[in-house]
Amino acid sequence: NLANAMNVSPNPTSGNIVLSVDPSMGEISIEMFDVTGKSVKNFSKFQAGNINLDLSGFAHGVYYIQVSTTDAIAVEKVVVK
């Protein structure tokens, strides 16, 4: 289950986060959405593991990080303060 295989920290954040995704998930895509559902950032494809993402350029607020594999999608809420 992808949702159980991922974690975001620190949350809330004022800049960098680490998105931890179980390496058994293989290649993942990451997209970030604002509270209205608008896509605000599409990150490159990554191999699952510990991925550093810089959110320091984003306005304060709530965002949703969507992680996709070839057969699953999971969403994690993150707060930028």
Protein backbone atom coordinates (compact mmCIF):
# COMPACT_ATOMS: atom_id res chain seq x y z
CA ASN A 1 0.00 0.00 0.00
CA LEU A 2 1.64 3.22 -1.20
CA ALA A 3 -0.07 5.45 1.39
CA ASN A 4 1.46 3.38 4.20
CA ALA A 5 4.84 3.36 2.46
CA MET A 6 5.41 7.15 2.47
CA ASN A 7 6.05 9.89 4.99
CA VAL A 8 6.78 13.65 4.86
CA SER A 9 8.96 15.38 7.45
CA PRO A 10 9.21 17.90 8.89
CA ASN A 11 5.57 18.81 8.61
CA PRO A 12 4.84 21.71 8.96
CA THR A 13 7.91 23.03 7.17
CA SER A 14 9.45 26.38 6.37
CA GLY A 15 11.57 25.09 3.51
CA ASN A 16 13.04 21.67 2.84
CA ILE A 17 11.19 18.43 3.41
CA VAL A 18 12.21 14.83 3.11
CA LEU A 19 9.70 12.62 1.35
CA SER A 20 10.40 9.04 2.40
CA VAL A 21 8.95 6.38 0.15
CA ASP A 22 9.64 2.68 0.61
CA PRO A 23 12.32 1.73 -1.98
CA SER A 24 10.25 -1.29 -3.04
CA MET A 25 7.85 1.16 -4.75
CA GLY A 26 10.40 1.63 -7.58
CA GLU A 27 10.13 4.69 -9.83
CA ILE A 28 7.72 7.38 -8.63
CA SER A 29 6.36 10.66 -9.93
CA ILE A 30 5.71 13.57 -7.58
CA GLU A 31 3.25 16.42 -8.13
CA MET A 32 2.24 19.15 -5.71
CA PHE A 33 -1.21 20.79 -5.54
CA ASP A 34 -2.58 23.78 -3.65
CA VAL A 35 -5.83 23.65 -1.64
CA THR A 36 -7.90 24.44 -4.74
CA GLY A 37 -6.52 21.37 -6.53
CA LYS A 38 -4.35 23.40 -8.91
CA SER A 39 -1.02 21.77 -9.80
CA VAL A 40 1.75 24.07 -8.56
CA LYS A 41 4.84 21.92 -9.12
CA ASN A 42 5.73 18.80 -11.05
CA PHE A 43 8.93 17.19 -9.82
CA SER A 44 11.08 14.89 -11.95
CA LYS A 45 10.75 11.15 -11.69
CA PHE A 46 12.63 9.63 -8.79
CA GLN A 47 13.62 6.23 -7.51
CA ALA A 48 11.71 5.67 -4.26
CA GLY A 49 13.72 6.29 -1.10
CA ASN A 50 14.50 9.50 0.80
CA ILE A 51 13.87 12.45 -1.52
CA ASN A 52 14.73 16.05 -0.55
CA LEU A 53 12.28 18.65 -1.86
CA ASP A 54 12.75 22.42 -1.49
CA LEU A 55 9.46 24.17 -0.75
CA SER A 56 10.99 27.46 0.41
CA GLY A 57 9.65 29.34 -2.62
CA PHE A 58 6.02 28.47 -1.88
CA ALA A 59 3.59 30.81 -0.13
CA HIS A 60 2.50 29.80 3.36
CA GLY A 61 -0.43 27.42 3.35
CA VAL A 62 -1.60 23.86 2.90
CA TYR A 63 -0.43 21.77 -0.06
CA TYR A 64 -0.91 18.18 -1.16
CA ILE A 65 1.94 16.04 -2.44
CA GLN A 66 0.78 13.32 -4.79
CA VAL A 67 3.08 10.35 -5.28
CA SER A 68 2.33 8.03 -8.19
CA THR A 69 3.71 4.65 -9.21
CA THR A 70 2.64 2.67 -12.26
CA ASP A 71 -0.25 1.14 -10.30
CA ALA A 72 -0.95 3.35 -7.26
CA ILE A 73 -1.47 6.97 -6.18
CA ALA A 74 -1.18 8.38 -2.67
CA VAL A 75 -1.53 11.92 -1.34
CA GLU A 76 0.11 13.48 1.72
CA LYS A 77 -0.83 16.90 3.15
CA VAL A 78 2.03 19.29 3.95
CA VAL A 79 1.88 22.72 5.61
CA VAL A 80 4.32 25.44 4.55
CA LYS A 81 4.73 28.05 7.26
